[in-house]
Amino acid sequence: MVKDHESLESLMEDEKFEWGSDNSPEAVYDFFINPPVEKVDFSFESPDNDRISDILVDQHDFSEDRISSKLKDLEKALESRQSGLGSFT
């Protein structure tokens, strides 16, 4: 039925259309067209290698050598990461 109508108004005018909600169709439509959003700022800090090792090695029995190796790889990657597109604007 939705595919047969190009707008909410034409859908609601259809005799076969039944609305089964306490909210008005316009309110639901507006919610999806203009969803409520919050601006969130993220900040990423350097990982806490000791905490990561504690969780993975001590608490979950991961190999200490493998975790240490991957944490070193992560440090190298973080040191050499490129700046984002924000630096161009």
N, C-alpha and C. Protein backbone atom coordinates (compact mmCIF):
# COMPACT_ATOMS: atom_id res chain seq x y z
N MET A 1 0.82 -1.19 0.00
CA MET A 1 0.00 0.00 0.00
C MET A 1 0.87 1.26 0.00
N VAL A 2 1.97 1.24 0.74
CA VAL A 2 2.84 2.41 0.80
C VAL A 2 3.45 2.69 -0.57
N LYS A 3 3.76 1.65 -1.32
CA LYS A 3 4.35 1.83 -2.65
C LYS A 3 3.38 2.49 -3.62
N ASP A 4 2.09 2.38 -3.36
CA ASP A 4 1.08 2.95 -4.25
C ASP A 4 0.89 4.45 -4.03
N HIS A 5 1.44 5.00 -2.95
CA HIS A 5 1.22 6.40 -2.61
C HIS A 5 2.56 7.13 -2.54
N GLU A 6 2.56 8.34 -3.06
CA GLU A 6 3.79 9.13 -3.08
C GLU A 6 3.93 10.03 -1.87
N SER A 7 2.88 10.20 -1.09
CA SER A 7 2.96 11.07 0.08
C SER A 7 2.14 10.49 1.22
N LEU A 8 2.40 10.99 2.41
CA LEU A 8 1.64 10.56 3.59
C LEU A 8 0.17 10.95 3.44
N GLU A 9 -0.08 12.12 2.88
CA GLU A 9 -1.46 12.59 2.73
C GLU A 9 -2.27 11.67 1.82
N SER A 10 -1.68 11.27 0.69
CA SER A 10 -2.43 10.39 -0.23
C SER A 10 -2.63 9.01 0.39
N LEU A 11 -1.69 8.56 1.19
CA LEU A 11 -1.86 7.28 1.89
C LEU A 11 -3.01 7.37 2.88
N MET A 12 -3.08 8.46 3.63
CA MET A 12 -4.13 8.60 4.64
C MET A 12 -5.52 8.77 4.01
N GLU A 13 -5.59 9.27 2.79
CA GLU A 13 -6.87 9.43 2.10
C GLU A 13 -7.40 8.11 1.56
N ASP A 14 -6.55 7.12 1.46
CA ASP A 14 -6.96 5.81 0.96
C ASP A 14 -7.93 5.16 1.95
N GLU A 15 -9.07 4.66 1.45
CA GLU A 15 -10.09 4.06 2.32
C GLU A 15 -9.59 2.78 3.00
N LYS A 16 -8.61 2.13 2.42
CA LYS A 16 -8.08 0.88 2.99
C LYS A 16 -7.08 1.14 4.13
N PHE A 17 -6.65 2.39 4.27
CA PHE A 17 -5.64 2.73 5.26
C PHE A 17 -6.24 2.75 6.66
N GLU A 18 -5.61 2.01 7.58
CA GLU A 18 -6.02 2.02 8.98
C GLU A 18 -4.81 2.36 9.83
N TRP A 19 -4.96 3.35 10.68
CA TRP A 19 -3.87 3.76 11.56
C TRP A 19 -4.10 3.13 12.93
N GLY A 20 -3.14 2.31 13.39
CA GLY A 20 -3.31 1.58 14.64
C GLY A 20 -2.40 2.05 15.75
N SER A 21 -2.20 3.35 15.87
CA SER A 21 -1.31 3.87 16.90
C SER A 21 -1.96 5.04 17.61
N ASP A 22 -1.55 5.27 18.86
CA ASP A 22 -2.04 6.43 19.60
C ASP A 22 -1.40 7.72 19.09
N ASN A 23 -0.24 7.61 18.47
CA ASN A 23 0.44 8.78 17.91
C ASN A 23 -0.13 9.08 16.53
N SER A 24 -0.18 10.36 16.21
CA SER A 24 -0.71 10.72 14.90
C SER A 24 0.28 10.31 13.81
N PRO A 25 -0.21 10.00 12.62
CA PRO A 25 0.70 9.66 11.52
C PRO A 25 1.66 10.79 11.20
N GLU A 26 1.21 12.03 11.34
CA GLU A 26 2.07 13.17 11.08
C GLU A 26 3.23 13.23 12.07
N ALA A 27 2.94 12.92 13.34
CA ALA A 27 3.99 12.94 14.36
C ALA A 27 5.03 11.86 14.09
N VAL A 28 4.57 10.68 13.69
CA VAL A 28 5.50 9.59 13.38
C VAL A 28 6.32 9.94 12.15
N TYR A 29 5.68 10.47 11.13
CA TYR A 29 6.36 10.88 9.90
C TYR A 29 7.42 11.94 10.22
N ASP A 30 7.04 12.93 11.02
CA ASP A 30 7.97 14.00 11.38
C ASP A 30 9.15 13.47 12.17
N PHE A 31 8.91 12.47 13.02
CA PHE A 31 10.00 11.87 13.80
C PHE A 31 11.06 11.27 12.88
N PHE A 32 10.63 10.60 11.82
CA PHE A 32 11.59 9.98 10.91
C PHE A 32 12.23 10.98 9.95
N ILE A 33 11.51 12.02 9.59
CA ILE A 33 12.06 13.03 8.70
C ILE A 33 13.01 13.96 9.46
N ASN A 34 12.67 14.28 10.71
CA ASN A 34 13.48 15.17 11.54
C ASN A 34 13.77 14.50 12.88
N PRO A 35 14.60 13.47 12.89
CA PRO A 35 14.83 12.73 14.14
C PRO A 35 15.55 13.60 15.18
N PRO A 36 15.23 13.36 16.45
CA PRO A 36 15.94 14.10 17.49
C PRO A 36 17.39 13.62 17.56
N VAL A 37 18.31 14.54 17.61
CA VAL A 37 19.73 14.18 17.65
C VAL A 37 20.43 14.99 18.73
N GLU A 38 21.51 14.44 19.23
CA GLU A 38 22.35 15.13 20.19
C GLU A 38 23.75 15.23 19.62
N LYS A 39 24.37 16.38 19.80
CA LYS A 39 25.75 16.54 19.36
C LYS A 39 26.64 15.93 20.44
N VAL A 40 27.49 15.01 20.03
CA VAL A 40 28.38 14.34 20.96
C VAL A 40 29.80 14.53 20.47
N ASP A 41 30.67 14.94 21.37
CA ASP A 41 32.08 15.09 21.04
C ASP A 41 32.84 13.89 21.57
N PHE A 42 33.61 13.28 20.71
CA PHE A 42 34.43 12.14 21.09
C PHE A 42 35.88 12.59 21.22
N SER A 43 36.54 12.04 22.20
CA SER A 43 37.98 12.27 22.30
C SER A 43 38.64 10.92 22.55
N PHE A 44 39.63 10.64 21.75
CA PHE A 44 40.33 9.37 21.86
C PHE A 44 41.69 9.61 22.48
N GLU A 45 41.94 8.91 23.55
CA GLU A 45 43.22 9.03 24.24
C GLU A 45 44.06 7.79 23.94
N SER A 46 45.30 7.85 24.33
CA SER A 46 46.19 6.70 24.14
C SER A 46 45.67 5.53 24.97
N PRO A 47 45.76 4.32 24.43
CA PRO A 47 45.28 3.16 25.19
C PRO A 47 46.13 2.91 26.42
N ASP A 48 45.52 2.39 27.46
CA ASP A 48 46.20 2.03 28.70
C ASP A 48 46.68 0.58 28.55
N ASN A 49 47.93 0.42 28.11
CA ASN A 49 48.46 -0.92 27.82
C ASN A 49 48.43 -1.83 29.03
N ASP A 50 48.72 -1.30 30.21
CA ASP A 50 48.70 -2.13 31.42
C ASP A 50 47.29 -2.65 31.70
N ARG A 51 46.31 -1.80 31.52
CA ARG A 51 44.91 -2.20 31.76
C ARG A 51 44.47 -3.23 30.72
N ILE A 52 44.82 -3.01 29.47
CA ILE A 52 44.48 -3.96 28.41
C ILE A 52 45.11 -5.31 28.69
N SER A 53 46.37 -5.30 29.05
CA SER A 53 47.08 -6.54 29.37
C SER A 53 46.44 -7.23 30.58
N ASP A 54 46.09 -6.47 31.59
CA ASP A 54 45.45 -7.04 32.78
C ASP A 54 44.15 -7.75 32.41
N ILE A 55 43.35 -7.10 31.61
CA ILE A 55 42.06 -7.69 31.23
C ILE A 55 42.26 -8.93 30.37
N LEU A 56 43.07 -8.81 29.32
CA LEU A 56 43.19 -9.92 28.37
C LEU A 56 44.06 -11.06 28.88
N VAL A 57 45.18 -10.74 29.51
CA VAL A 57 46.11 -11.79 29.95
C VAL A 57 45.69 -12.37 31.29
N ASP A 58 45.53 -11.50 32.28
CA ASP A 58 45.26 -11.98 33.64
C ASP A 58 43.83 -12.49 33.82
N GLN A 59 42.87 -11.81 33.22
CA GLN A 59 41.48 -12.19 33.45
C GLN A 59 40.93 -13.17 32.43
N HIS A 60 41.49 -13.15 31.20
CA HIS A 60 40.92 -14.00 30.15
C HIS A 60 41.92 -14.96 29.53
N ASP A 61 43.07 -15.09 30.13
CA ASP A 61 44.08 -16.09 29.74
C ASP A 61 44.57 -15.98 28.30
N PHE A 62 44.67 -14.77 27.77
CA PHE A 62 45.29 -14.59 26.47
C PHE A 62 46.80 -14.73 26.63
N SER A 63 47.48 -15.02 25.54
CA SER A 63 48.93 -15.15 25.55
C SER A 63 49.57 -13.77 25.78
N GLU A 64 50.42 -13.68 26.80
CA GLU A 64 51.07 -12.41 27.11
C GLU A 64 51.95 -11.94 25.96
N ASP A 65 52.65 -12.87 25.31
CA ASP A 65 53.52 -12.50 24.18
C ASP A 65 52.71 -11.91 23.03
N ARG A 66 51.60 -12.54 22.71
CA ARG A 66 50.78 -12.06 21.59
C ARG A 66 50.17 -10.69 21.90
N ILE A 67 49.68 -10.53 23.12
CA ILE A 67 49.08 -9.24 23.50
C ILE A 67 50.13 -8.15 23.49
N SER A 68 51.30 -8.43 24.03
CA SER A 68 52.39 -7.46 24.05
C SER A 68 52.78 -7.06 22.63
N SER A 69 52.87 -8.05 21.75
CA SER A 69 53.23 -7.79 20.36
C SER A 69 52.17 -6.90 19.68
N LYS A 70 50.92 -7.21 19.89
CA LYS A 70 49.85 -6.44 19.25
C LYS A 70 49.74 -5.03 19.83
N LEU A 71 50.03 -4.89 21.12
CA LEU A 71 50.02 -3.54 21.70
C LEU A 71 51.14 -2.69 21.12
N LYS A 72 52.30 -3.31 20.85
CA LYS A 72 53.40 -2.58 20.20
C LYS A 72 53.00 -2.17 18.78
N ASP A 73 52.34 -3.10 18.06
CA ASP A 73 51.85 -2.78 16.72
C ASP A 73 50.86 -1.61 16.77
N LEU A 74 49.99 -1.63 17.77
CA LEU A 74 49.02 -0.55 17.92
C LEU A 74 49.71 0.78 18.19
N GLU A 75 50.71 0.77 19.04
CA GLU A 75 51.46 2.00 19.32
C GLU A 75 52.10 2.56 18.06
N LYS A 76 52.70 1.68 17.25
CA LYS A 76 53.31 2.13 15.99
C LYS A 76 52.26 2.72 15.06
N ALA A 77 51.12 2.06 14.98
CA ALA A 77 50.05 2.55 14.10
C ALA A 77 49.54 3.91 14.56
N LEU A 78 49.40 4.08 15.87
CA LEU A 78 48.91 5.36 16.39
C LEU A 78 49.93 6.47 16.17
N GLU A 79 51.20 6.15 16.24
CA GLU A 79 52.24 7.16 16.02
C GLU A 79 52.29 7.61 14.57
N SER A 80 52.00 6.71 13.65
CA SER A 80 52.14 7.04 12.24
C SER A 80 50.81 7.34 11.55
N ARG A 81 49.72 7.42 12.31
CA ARG A 81 48.43 7.64 11.66
C ARG A 81 48.39 9.01 11.01
N GLN A 82 47.62 9.06 9.92
CA GLN A 82 47.54 10.29 9.16
C GLN A 82 46.49 11.21 9.77
N SER A 83 46.62 12.49 9.46
CA SER A 83 45.61 13.43 9.93
C SER A 83 44.34 13.22 9.13
N GLY A 84 43.21 13.55 9.72
CA GLY A 84 41.92 13.37 9.07
C GLY A 84 41.63 14.48 8.08
N LEU A 85 40.48 14.41 7.46
CA LEU A 85 40.07 15.41 6.48
C LEU A 85 39.85 16.77 7.12
N GLY A 86 39.62 16.80 8.42
CA GLY A 86 39.40 18.06 9.12
C GLY A 86 40.56 19.02 8.99
N SER A 87 41.76 18.52 8.78
CA SER A 87 42.92 19.40 8.66
C SER A 87 42.92 20.17 7.34
N PHE A 88 42.09 19.76 6.39
CA PHE A 88 42.04 20.43 5.09
C PHE A 88 41.00 21.53 5.04
N THR A 89 40.13 21.58 6.04
CA THR A 89 39.05 22.57 5.98
C THR A 89 39.38 23.81 6.77
